[in-house]
Amino acid sequence: MRTLARRLLIPGLTALALTATGCGSTSHTGAAEPAAPAAVTPSSDGTSQQLDVAAAPQGTSTPAAVARADGKGRTEKSALKVASYDRATGRAVIAKGAQTPGRSPAPGKPSETGRSPETGKSPETGKSPDAGKSPEPDKPVAVGDVIASAPAPGAPAGLLAKVTEVVGKTDQGTEVKTAATTLAAVLGDDKADGKVPVDPAAVTVEPLTKGVTFSWAKGPGLTFGPEGAKLPLGNLRLDVNAAVDTAPDAPASAGASVSGFVQLAPQVEFAYDGSAGGAPGPRGAFLGMSGDWSSQWKLQGRAAASTGAPKRIPFAKLHSSPVIQVGPVPVVVNLDLTCYIQVEADGRVTVEVQQDVKGDFKVGGSYASGKGWTPVSASNVKSTPVKASVTATGKVKGAIGAEASVGLYGAVGVTADFAPYVRGEGDIKAAASSDGKTSLEGAWALYGGFDLSGNLQLQLSLFGTPVFERKIPLGTLNREWALSTGHIKR
């Protein structure tokens, strides 16, 4: 590496201790955040009820839910399971699984609601089921039945489908043809509202660069780091130490790199209000992801100049398909996160910036009958003390963020991009006289902030709501605050 005799330095400006100002910002573009669930108002037939929302039991086979074609019986947990599914043809094999004790009534017996699950008739009425509506004992499903299943062979994102044809018996069970349907077909007039934490043990991680490690805590908490810190229960953590493209004329000592960690505690938010008073589709719905965020990271060196868009370096992909139990219905949520480093620089300034960021975020889509889908985005972020040094004249911006998507049964519903950042700029000039005296004069500034953006996708119509014609942007939420500014004259 060649020596840069004319490199501009700032003696005495290294390792400045800067106290950051806290910042919070909340934005709900287009609609207010859904209110807490109201008291249940029975529908016209008196069947509407509030359903519990919780994580499906781990380590056991989650029962499927079946809404029978006669439409008179409430959707029930079932002993049926999806033995196989072919996405290309829509064919599935439905088999009889183990009965769930105390959860699903035996054939012909009243359910907890007082209705037979096959006929939908109260045993006190004495009426026989309509002919051809209820399946025979050797035919577990009938045309028109709707099946909601947790992940199964051929359906890793679960299955929500309506039976269009019963093909016949196979060695595994009953083969059927299916077509896509909506949650309204199984949730009906009922209501549900809840938050479910994502089990970090169920998250799969694909490192995209060298120097990435993954930790998670379930139980008393995982110990990590040289000081033996404890990772909070329910959190997952990614540590990264990656090189960044360095400016071609930078000395070896100014090699650019980013190091630090991202720590998350994501949770799924789900709401459904089917009491539409006889109108098609639900009255309201919400799907989103929220959680706590903390990161500690360090950007140092002289980053290469970025042309056009900022240089984004993904360092890990995370995926999880948690199953949330909405009453009897297993709802499969697909979550994807791509964590990245992003650097925007002009190739002239050498920096050493270290920052701690803590806060929360929330992204999602809210539906109201008559108003359609509106986006929800919110964040409250605070930055704790940083250390920094700035050398020479130029600009640099570094971020460590995540691209996120959340959807149902494999269909993406909401995408978001959350990126806390530090931005620095300097205008430092050096001069030298013939007698050997030098002078240094200029100003520098450092700023913290975050960007939050994203879109609502067409697949949110899976709730049973009308399809919108194009993506609906969340709107860009940006907040920036001064970390420190200063002048130097030597």
Protein backbone atom coordinates (compact mmCIF):
# COMPACT_ATOMS: atom_id res chain seq x y z
CA MET A 1 0.00 0.00 0.00
CA ARG A 2 1.37 3.40 -0.90
CA THR A 3 1.78 6.06 1.78
CA LEU A 4 -0.52 9.05 1.51
CA ALA A 5 1.62 11.99 2.53
CA ARG A 6 -1.20 14.42 1.97
CA ARG A 7 -3.80 12.55 4.01
CA LEU A 8 -5.74 14.92 6.24
CA LEU A 9 -5.72 13.99 9.91
CA ILE A 10 -7.46 15.33 12.97
CA PRO A 11 -5.06 14.94 15.88
CA GLY A 12 -6.79 14.74 19.21
CA LEU A 13 -10.26 14.11 17.75
CA THR A 14 -10.20 10.34 18.19
CA ALA A 15 -12.48 8.46 20.58
CA LEU A 16 -14.81 11.36 21.34
CA ALA A 17 -17.40 10.38 23.93
CA LEU A 18 -20.75 11.61 22.67
CA THR A 19 -24.04 11.43 24.50
CA ALA A 20 -26.91 10.77 22.15
CA THR A 21 -30.31 12.34 22.44
CA GLY A 22 -33.25 9.94 22.71
CA CYS A 23 -35.84 9.93 20.00
CA GLY A 24 -39.24 8.41 19.55
CA SER A 25 -41.51 8.52 16.56
CA THR A 26 -44.80 6.84 15.86
CA SER A 27 -46.66 6.91 12.59
CA HIS A 28 -49.81 5.17 11.48
CA THR A 29 -50.23 5.98 7.82
CA GLY A 30 -53.85 6.06 6.89
CA ALA A 31 -55.43 4.48 9.94
CA ALA A 32 -55.33 4.30 13.68
CA GLU A 33 -53.99 1.24 15.40
CA PRO A 34 -56.71 -1.35 16.03
CA ALA A 35 -58.36 -0.89 19.37
CA ALA A 36 -58.59 -3.58 22.00
CA PRO A 37 -61.24 -6.17 21.20
CA ALA A 38 -64.73 -5.12 22.16
CA ALA A 39 -67.16 -7.29 24.06
CA VAL A 40 -68.59 -10.02 21.88
CA THR A 41 -71.84 -9.08 20.20
CA PRO A 42 -73.72 -12.20 19.08
CA SER A 43 -74.58 -12.35 15.40
CA SER A 44 -78.11 -12.79 14.15
CA ASP A 45 -78.04 -16.55 14.81
CA GLY A 46 -76.37 -16.12 18.19
CA THR A 47 -73.23 -18.06 17.26
CA SER A 48 -70.53 -15.33 17.27
CA GLN A 49 -67.87 -15.78 19.93
CA GLN A 50 -64.45 -14.46 20.92
CA LEU A 51 -61.71 -16.94 20.05
CA ASP A 52 -58.46 -17.28 21.97
CA VAL A 53 -55.22 -16.57 20.08
CA ALA A 54 -52.17 -18.49 21.30
CA ALA A 55 -49.12 -20.37 20.09
CA ALA A 56 -49.88 -23.91 18.97
CA PRO A 57 -48.43 -26.56 21.32
CA GLN A 58 -44.85 -27.47 20.44
CA GLY A 59 -43.69 -31.04 19.96
CA THR A 60 -47.13 -32.39 19.10
CA SER A 61 -49.10 -32.75 15.91
CA THR A 62 -51.38 -29.75 15.59
CA PRO A 63 -54.91 -30.96 14.74
CA ALA A 64 -56.47 -29.73 11.54
CA ALA A 65 -59.68 -27.70 11.60
CA VAL A 66 -62.60 -28.55 9.34
CA ALA A 67 -65.57 -26.38 8.41
CA ARG A 68 -68.26 -28.72 7.12
CA ALA A 69 -70.06 -28.00 3.87
CA ASP A 70 -73.51 -27.81 5.46
CA GLY A 71 -72.43 -24.55 7.08
CA LYS A 72 -74.58 -25.14 10.16
CA GLY A 73 -71.96 -26.58 12.50
CA ARG A 74 -69.17 -24.53 14.01
CA THR A 75 -65.65 -25.14 12.74
CA GLU A 76 -64.10 -27.81 14.96
CA LYS A 77 -60.71 -29.32 15.63
CA SER A 78 -60.59 -32.62 13.86
CA ALA A 79 -58.80 -35.95 14.01
CA LEU A 80 -58.06 -35.53 10.30
CA LYS A 81 -54.60 -34.68 8.99
CA VAL A 82 -53.13 -33.79 5.62
CA ALA A 83 -51.00 -36.83 4.71
CA SER A 84 -49.71 -35.24 1.49
CA TYR A 85 -50.32 -32.30 -0.81
CA ASP A 86 -49.35 -31.48 -4.39
CA ARG A 87 -49.23 -27.72 -4.87
CA ALA A 88 -49.12 -27.99 -8.69
CA THR A 89 -52.39 -29.93 -8.98
CA GLY A 90 -54.10 -28.95 -5.71
CA ARG A 91 -54.57 -32.62 -4.84
CA ALA A 92 -54.34 -33.67 -1.21
CA VAL A 93 -54.64 -36.90 0.72
CA ILE A 94 -56.63 -36.60 3.92
CA ALA A 95 -56.11 -39.23 6.58
CA LYS A 96 -57.51 -39.95 10.00
CA GLY A 97 -55.06 -39.04 12.72
CA ALA A 98 -55.09 -39.49 16.47
CA GLN A 99 -58.06 -38.03 18.31
CA THR A 100 -57.20 -34.99 20.45
CA PRO A 101 -58.44 -35.84 24.00
CA GLY A 102 -60.99 -33.44 25.33
CA ARG A 103 -60.78 -31.15 22.33
CA SER A 104 -62.82 -32.72 19.54
CA PRO A 105 -66.12 -34.58 20.10
CA ALA A 106 -66.60 -38.13 18.90
CA PRO A 107 -68.71 -38.65 15.75
CA GLY A 108 -72.40 -38.26 16.45
CA LYS A 109 -71.84 -36.74 19.90
CA PRO A 110 -72.65 -33.16 20.83
CA SER A 111 -69.76 -30.70 20.81
CA GLU A 112 -69.13 -28.13 23.52
CA THR A 113 -71.46 -25.81 21.61
CA GLY A 114 -74.30 -28.37 21.75
CA ARG A 115 -74.13 -29.08 18.01
CA SER A 116 -73.10 -32.24 16.23
CA PRO A 117 -69.91 -31.51 14.28
CA GLU A 118 -71.15 -33.44 11.25
CA THR A 119 -74.72 -32.19 11.06
CA GLY A 120 -74.73 -28.88 12.84
CA LYS A 121 -78.04 -29.94 14.46
CA SER A 122 -78.85 -29.72 18.11
CA PRO A 123 -79.60 -33.22 19.46
CA GLU A 124 -82.73 -31.83 21.11
CA THR A 125 -84.30 -31.01 17.74
CA GLY A 126 -84.59 -34.63 16.72
CA LYS A 127 -84.05 -33.67 13.09
CA SER A 128 -81.98 -35.81 10.74
CA PRO A 129 -79.11 -34.28 8.76
CA ASP A 130 -79.73 -33.14 5.21
CA ALA A 131 -79.07 -35.95 2.76
CA GLY A 132 -75.64 -35.87 1.11
CA LYS A 133 -74.39 -33.01 3.26
CA SER A 134 -72.46 -34.89 5.94
CA PRO A 135 -69.67 -37.31 4.94
CA GLU A 136 -70.08 -41.02 5.44
CA PRO A 137 -67.92 -42.70 8.08
CA ASP A 138 -65.48 -44.04 5.45
CA LYS A 139 -65.30 -40.64 3.72
CA PRO A 140 -63.61 -38.19 6.13
CA VAL A 141 -64.33 -35.10 4.03
CA ALA A 142 -67.01 -34.03 1.57
CA VAL A 143 -67.17 -31.59 -1.31
CA GLY A 144 -67.42 -28.07 0.07
CA ASP A 145 -65.60 -28.82 3.33
CA VAL A 146 -62.79 -26.38 4.20
CA ILE A 147 -59.58 -27.66 5.76
CA ALA A 148 -57.08 -25.56 7.73
CA SER A 149 -53.89 -27.46 8.48
CA ALA A 150 -50.52 -26.85 10.08
CA PRO A 151 -47.43 -27.62 7.95
CA ALA A 152 -47.72 -31.03 6.32
CA PRO A 153 -45.87 -33.10 3.65
CA GLY A 154 -45.96 -31.04 0.45
CA ALA A 155 -47.36 -28.04 2.33
CA PRO A 156 -44.51 -26.64 4.44
CA ALA A 157 -46.43 -23.38 4.93
CA GLY A 158 -49.61 -25.18 5.97
CA LEU A 159 -52.79 -25.57 3.97
CA LEU A 160 -56.02 -23.60 3.80
CA ALA A 161 -58.19 -25.11 1.06
CA LYS A 162 -61.71 -26.07 0.05
CA VAL A 163 -62.53 -29.58 -1.16
CA THR A 164 -63.85 -29.46 -4.74
CA GLU A 165 -63.89 -33.20 -5.52
CA VAL A 166 -63.47 -36.45 -3.62
CA VAL A 167 -61.32 -38.62 -5.91
CA GLY A 168 -61.23 -41.85 -3.92
CA LYS A 169 -59.41 -43.99 -1.39
CA THR A 170 -55.64 -44.53 -1.34
CA ASP A 171 -53.29 -46.41 0.96
CA GLN A 172 -52.73 -43.18 2.89
CA GLY A 173 -56.30 -41.94 3.09
CA THR A 174 -58.86 -40.14 0.95
CA GLU A 175 -57.56 -38.26 -2.08
CA VAL A 176 -59.32 -34.99 -2.84
CA LYS A 177 -59.01 -32.05 -5.18
CA THR A 178 -58.84 -28.65 -3.55
CA ALA A 179 -59.04 -24.97 -4.40
CA ALA A 180 -57.86 -21.86 -2.59
CA THR A 181 -60.16 -20.31 -0.02
CA THR A 182 -60.04 -17.73 2.77
CA LEU A 183 -59.94 -17.53 6.55
CA ALA A 184 -63.50 -16.25 6.51
CA ALA A 185 -64.55 -19.78 5.48
CA VAL A 186 -63.28 -21.22 8.77
CA LEU A 187 -63.53 -18.27 11.17
CA GLY A 188 -66.99 -17.21 10.03
CA ASP A 189 -68.70 -14.72 12.34
CA ASP A 190 -66.26 -15.18 15.20
CA LYS A 191 -63.73 -12.68 16.55
CA ALA A 192 -60.10 -12.99 17.58
CA ASP A 193 -57.35 -10.62 18.68
CA GLY A 194 -53.96 -11.46 20.12
CA LYS A 195 -50.16 -11.35 20.04
CA VAL A 196 -47.98 -14.45 19.88
CA PRO A 197 -44.21 -14.34 20.50
CA VAL A 198 -42.07 -16.16 17.95
CA ASP A 199 -40.11 -19.04 19.49
CA PRO A 200 -36.46 -18.28 18.61
CA ALA A 201 -35.69 -22.01 18.75
CA ALA A 202 -37.91 -22.47 15.69
CA VAL A 203 -36.04 -19.86 13.61
CA THR A 204 -33.73 -21.14 10.89
CA VAL A 205 -30.71 -19.01 10.00
CA GLU A 206 -28.72 -18.93 6.77
CA PRO A 207 -25.45 -16.96 7.11
CA LEU A 208 -24.66 -15.01 3.93
CA THR A 209 -21.18 -13.79 4.86
CA LYS A 210 -18.31 -15.02 6.98
CA GLY A 211 -18.18 -13.96 10.59
CA VAL A 212 -21.90 -14.44 11.44
CA THR A 213 -23.01 -16.29 14.58
CA PHE A 214 -26.54 -16.93 15.85
CA SER A 215 -27.71 -17.19 19.46
CA TRP A 216 -31.11 -17.57 21.07
CA ALA A 217 -32.55 -17.93 24.54
CA LYS A 218 -35.28 -20.30 25.63
CA GLY A 219 -35.39 -21.06 29.31
CA PRO A 220 -33.12 -19.27 31.80
CA GLY A 221 -31.31 -17.36 29.06
CA LEU A 222 -28.23 -17.97 26.95
CA THR A 223 -24.82 -16.72 28.01
CA PHE A 224 -22.82 -15.01 25.28
CA GLY A 225 -19.81 -12.77 24.92
CA PRO A 226 -16.60 -12.51 26.95
CA GLU A 227 -18.41 -10.89 29.89
CA GLY A 228 -20.98 -13.66 30.17
CA ALA A 229 -24.01 -11.45 29.52
CA LYS A 230 -27.44 -13.01 29.52
CA LEU A 231 -29.64 -13.00 26.45
CA PRO A 232 -33.23 -12.15 27.51
CA LEU A 233 -35.81 -14.90 27.30
CA GLY A 234 -37.43 -15.13 23.86
CA ASN A 235 -34.71 -13.13 22.10
CA LEU A 236 -32.59 -14.11 19.14
CA ARG A 237 -29.26 -12.50 18.36
CA LEU A 238 -27.02 -12.23 15.30
CA ASP A 239 -23.39 -11.19 15.66
CA VAL A 240 -21.48 -10.04 12.59
CA ASN A 241 -17.95 -8.96 11.82
CA ALA A 242 -17.68 -8.17 8.11
CA ALA A 243 -15.34 -6.25 5.86
CA VAL A 244 -16.72 -3.43 3.75
CA ASP A 245 -15.26 -2.29 0.43
CA THR A 246 -12.46 0.13 1.22
CA ALA A 247 -11.58 3.21 -0.81
CA PRO A 248 -8.83 2.33 -3.35
CA ASP A 249 -6.44 5.04 -2.10
CA ALA A 250 -6.89 4.25 1.59
CA PRO A 251 -3.90 2.96 3.59
CA ALA A 252 -4.01 -0.47 5.18
CA SER A 253 -4.77 1.14 8.53
CA ALA A 254 -8.02 2.58 7.11
CA GLY A 255 -9.56 -0.73 6.03
CA ALA A 256 -13.35 -0.44 6.29
CA SER A 257 -15.44 -2.87 8.34
CA VAL A 258 -18.67 -3.21 10.30
CA SER A 259 -19.00 -5.25 13.47
CA GLY A 260 -21.68 -5.67 16.09
CA PHE A 261 -24.97 -7.43 16.70
CA VAL A 262 -28.71 -7.28 16.13
CA GLN A 263 -31.03 -8.60 18.84
CA LEU A 264 -34.75 -9.19 18.25
CA ALA A 265 -37.82 -10.45 20.07
CA PRO A 266 -40.40 -10.65 17.25
CA GLN A 267 -44.07 -11.39 17.75
CA VAL A 268 -47.05 -11.90 15.45
CA GLU A 269 -50.15 -9.73 15.84
CA PHE A 270 -53.41 -11.17 14.51
CA ALA A 271 -56.97 -9.87 14.65
CA TYR A 272 -60.21 -10.89 12.94
CA ASP A 273 -63.76 -9.61 13.34
CA GLY A 274 -66.25 -11.62 11.35
CA SER A 275 -69.40 -9.99 12.71
CA ALA A 276 -70.23 -8.13 9.50
CA GLY A 277 -73.98 -8.24 10.02
CA GLY A 278 -74.67 -10.47 7.05
CA ALA A 279 -72.33 -8.64 4.65
CA PRO A 280 -69.77 -10.77 2.76
CA GLY A 281 -66.32 -10.91 4.35
CA PRO A 282 -65.20 -9.79 7.81
CA ARG A 283 -65.87 -6.43 9.42
CA GLY A 284 -62.24 -5.98 10.40
CA ALA A 285 -58.83 -7.66 10.38
CA PHE A 286 -55.19 -7.02 11.24
CA LEU A 287 -51.94 -8.79 10.45
CA GLY A 288 -48.56 -7.52 11.50
CA MET A 289 -45.26 -8.06 13.20
CA SER A 290 -43.85 -6.15 16.12
CA GLY A 291 -41.12 -6.54 18.67
CA ASP A 292 -38.18 -5.16 20.58
CA TRP A 293 -34.99 -4.27 18.72
CA SER A 294 -31.52 -3.61 20.01
CA SER A 295 -28.24 -3.35 18.15
CA GLN A 296 -24.72 -2.36 18.94
CA TRP A 297 -22.41 -1.81 16.03
CA LYS A 298 -19.24 -0.14 14.88
CA LEU A 299 -18.37 1.32 11.48
CA GLN A 300 -14.74 2.16 10.94
CA GLY A 301 -12.25 2.90 8.18
CA ARG A 302 -12.58 4.61 4.84
CA ALA A 303 -15.45 3.06 2.91
CA ALA A 304 -15.31 3.01 -0.86
CA ALA A 305 -17.43 5.54 -2.68
CA SER A 306 -20.96 4.32 -3.40
CA THR A 307 -22.49 5.22 -6.74
CA GLY A 308 -26.23 5.39 -7.21
CA ALA A 309 -28.02 3.44 -4.48
CA PRO A 310 -26.24 2.80 -1.15
CA LYS A 311 -24.26 -0.45 -1.02
CA ARG A 312 -26.29 -3.07 0.86
CA ILE A 313 -24.59 -6.21 2.17
CA PRO A 314 -27.01 -8.90 3.45
CA PHE A 315 -25.31 -11.01 6.13
CA ALA A 316 -28.03 -13.44 7.26
CA LYS A 317 -31.49 -14.74 6.34
CA LEU A 318 -33.91 -15.88 9.03
CA HIS A 319 -37.13 -17.82 8.50
CA SER A 320 -39.87 -19.11 10.78
CA SER A 321 -43.35 -20.53 10.24
CA PRO A 322 -45.02 -20.29 13.65
CA VAL A 323 -48.46 -21.84 14.00
CA ILE A 324 -50.88 -19.75 16.02
CA GLN A 325 -54.04 -21.36 17.31
CA VAL A 326 -57.07 -19.14 16.64
CA GLY A 327 -59.77 -21.03 18.49
CA PRO A 328 -59.89 -24.40 16.71
CA VAL A 329 -58.12 -23.12 13.61
CA PRO A 330 -54.33 -23.52 13.14
CA VAL A 331 -53.16 -20.38 11.31
CA VAL A 332 -49.69 -20.70 9.80
CA VAL A 333 -47.73 -17.44 9.75
CA ASN A 334 -44.64 -17.12 7.59
CA LEU A 335 -41.93 -14.73 8.78
CA ASP A 336 -38.77 -13.86 6.88
CA LEU A 337 -35.99 -11.48 7.92
CA THR A 338 -32.90 -10.55 5.96
CA CYS A 339 -30.42 -8.67 8.13
CA TYR A 340 -28.04 -6.39 6.30
CA ILE A 341 -25.31 -3.78 6.54
CA GLN A 342 -25.65 -0.69 4.39
CA VAL A 343 -22.94 1.86 3.67
CA GLU A 344 -23.20 5.09 1.72
CA ALA A 345 -19.96 7.06 1.37
CA ASP A 346 -18.00 9.36 -0.93
CA GLY A 347 -14.71 7.55 -0.39
CA ARG A 348 -12.93 10.47 1.24
CA VAL A 349 -13.77 10.44 4.93
CA THR A 350 -12.32 8.03 7.49
CA VAL A 351 -14.53 7.39 10.50
CA GLU A 352 -14.82 5.33 13.63
CA VAL A 353 -18.39 5.38 14.86
CA GLN A 354 -19.88 3.14 17.55
CA GLN A 355 -23.54 3.26 18.56
CA ASP A 356 -26.06 1.40 20.72
CA VAL A 357 -29.69 1.47 19.56
CA LYS A 358 -32.72 0.23 21.48
CA GLY A 359 -36.40 0.49 20.73
CA ASP A 360 -39.34 -1.22 19.14
CA PHE A 361 -41.14 -1.40 15.83
CA LYS A 362 -44.51 -2.40 14.44
CA VAL A 363 -45.61 -2.94 10.85
CA GLY A 364 -48.83 -4.35 9.49
CA GLY A 365 -52.08 -3.90 7.69
CA SER A 366 -55.45 -3.00 9.19
CA TYR A 367 -58.77 -3.70 7.47
CA ALA A 368 -62.16 -2.11 8.11
CA SER A 369 -65.28 -2.89 6.12
CA GLY A 370 -66.12 0.04 3.86
CA LYS A 371 -62.64 1.53 4.18
CA GLY A 372 -60.43 -1.29 2.93
CA TRP A 373 -56.84 -1.97 3.91
CA THR A 374 -54.66 0.73 5.43
CA PRO A 375 -51.02 0.44 6.54
CA VAL A 376 -49.73 0.69 10.09
CA SER A 377 -46.10 1.55 10.83
CA ALA A 378 -44.59 2.68 14.12
CA SER A 379 -41.23 2.85 15.83
CA ASN A 380 -39.79 4.24 19.03
CA VAL A 381 -36.00 4.23 18.98
CA LYS A 382 -33.38 5.64 21.32
CA SER A 383 -29.63 5.71 20.81
CA THR A 384 -27.29 5.45 23.76
CA PRO A 385 -23.78 6.97 23.99
CA VAL A 386 -21.55 6.62 20.95
CA LYS A 387 -17.86 7.11 20.33
CA ALA A 388 -16.64 8.60 17.10
CA SER A 389 -13.77 10.11 15.22
CA VAL A 390 -13.94 11.84 11.87
CA THR A 391 -11.01 12.43 9.55
CA ALA A 392 -10.87 14.63 6.46
CA THR A 393 -13.63 16.10 4.34
CA GLY A 394 -16.54 14.02 3.15
CA LYS A 395 -19.73 12.15 4.06
CA VAL A 396 -20.55 8.64 5.23
CA LYS A 397 -23.71 6.84 6.38
CA GLY A 398 -23.85 3.38 7.90
CA ALA A 399 -26.89 1.30 8.86
CA ILE A 400 -27.56 -2.16 10.24
CA GLY A 401 -31.13 -3.14 9.48
CA ALA A 402 -33.57 -5.83 8.43
CA GLU A 403 -35.92 -6.49 5.53
CA ALA A 404 -38.97 -8.27 6.92
CA SER A 405 -42.04 -9.98 5.51
CA VAL A 406 -45.03 -11.52 7.25
CA GLY A 407 -47.85 -13.49 5.67
CA LEU A 408 -50.22 -16.41 6.03
CA TYR A 409 -49.97 -19.96 4.64
CA GLY A 410 -46.97 -19.05 2.49
CA ALA A 411 -48.46 -15.88 0.96
CA VAL A 412 -46.67 -12.62 1.77
CA GLY A 413 -48.97 -9.98 3.25
CA VAL A 414 -46.72 -7.23 4.61
CA THR A 415 -43.14 -6.24 3.77
CA ALA A 416 -41.05 -3.76 5.73
CA ASP A 417 -37.54 -2.38 5.91
CA PHE A 418 -36.28 -1.12 9.28
CA ALA A 419 -32.83 0.49 9.42
CA PRO A 420 -31.32 2.43 12.33
CA TYR A 421 -28.29 4.36 11.11
CA VAL A 422 -25.49 6.79 11.90
CA ARG A 423 -24.57 9.55 9.47
CA GLY A 424 -21.39 11.60 9.65
CA GLU A 425 -19.93 14.46 7.67
CA GLY A 426 -16.79 16.55 7.95
CA ASP A 427 -15.27 19.59 6.29
CA ILE A 428 -11.70 19.64 7.55
CA LYS A 429 -8.95 21.60 5.81
CA ALA A 430 -5.22 21.46 6.46
CA ALA A 431 -2.57 23.98 5.44
CA ALA A 432 1.20 24.10 5.66
CA SER A 433 3.67 27.02 5.33
CA SER A 434 7.27 27.08 4.11
CA ASP A 435 8.54 27.41 7.67
CA GLY A 436 7.10 23.98 8.48
CA LYS A 437 4.09 25.17 10.48
CA THR A 438 0.77 23.45 9.89
CA SER A 439 -2.78 24.38 10.66
CA LEU A 440 -6.04 22.45 10.75
CA GLU A 441 -9.49 23.98 10.62
CA GLY A 442 -13.01 22.75 9.99
CA ALA A 443 -16.28 21.38 11.31
CA TRP A 444 -17.83 17.95 11.71
CA ALA A 445 -21.24 16.54 12.68
CA LEU A 446 -22.75 13.17 13.54
CA TYR A 447 -26.43 12.21 13.37
CA GLY A 448 -28.43 9.17 14.40
CA GLY A 449 -31.73 8.09 12.92
CA PHE A 450 -33.84 5.34 11.41
CA ASP A 451 -35.80 4.64 8.25
CA LEU A 452 -38.95 2.49 8.15
CA SER A 453 -40.73 1.69 4.90
CA GLY A 454 -42.65 -1.15 3.23
CA ASN A 455 -45.82 -2.30 1.46
CA LEU A 456 -49.07 -4.15 1.94
CA GLN A 457 -49.36 -7.02 -0.55
CA LEU A 458 -52.33 -8.34 -2.52
CA GLN A 459 -52.30 -11.60 -0.56
CA LEU A 460 -53.92 -9.94 2.46
CA SER A 461 -57.19 -10.82 0.69
CA LEU A 462 -56.64 -14.27 2.27
CA PHE A 463 -58.69 -12.92 5.17
CA GLY A 464 -61.74 -12.92 2.87
CA THR A 465 -61.56 -9.19 2.19
CA PRO A 466 -61.81 -7.60 -1.29
CA VAL A 467 -58.67 -7.71 -3.43
CA PHE A 468 -56.93 -4.37 -3.88
CA GLU A 469 -55.41 -3.62 -7.28
CA ARG A 470 -51.84 -2.76 -6.32
CA LYS A 471 -49.41 -2.72 -3.44
CA ILE A 472 -50.20 -0.16 -0.75
CA PRO A 473 -47.05 1.56 0.56
CA LEU A 474 -46.59 1.88 4.30
CA GLY A 475 -45.11 5.30 3.66
CA THR A 476 -41.56 6.18 4.62
CA LEU A 477 -41.12 6.92 8.29
CA ASN A 478 -37.84 8.73 8.95
CA ARG A 479 -36.50 10.29 12.11
CA GLU A 480 -33.07 11.83 12.65
CA TRP A 481 -31.44 13.53 15.59
CA ALA A 482 -28.09 15.20 16.21
CA LEU A 483 -25.55 13.12 18.12
CA SER A 484 -22.78 15.67 18.19
CA THR A 485 -21.30 18.56 16.27
CA GLY A 486 -18.07 20.45 16.65
CA HIS A 487 -15.39 22.72 15.24
CA ILE A 488 -11.65 22.43 15.27
CA LYS A 489 -8.94 25.02 14.74
CA ARG A 490 -5.29 24.20 15.30
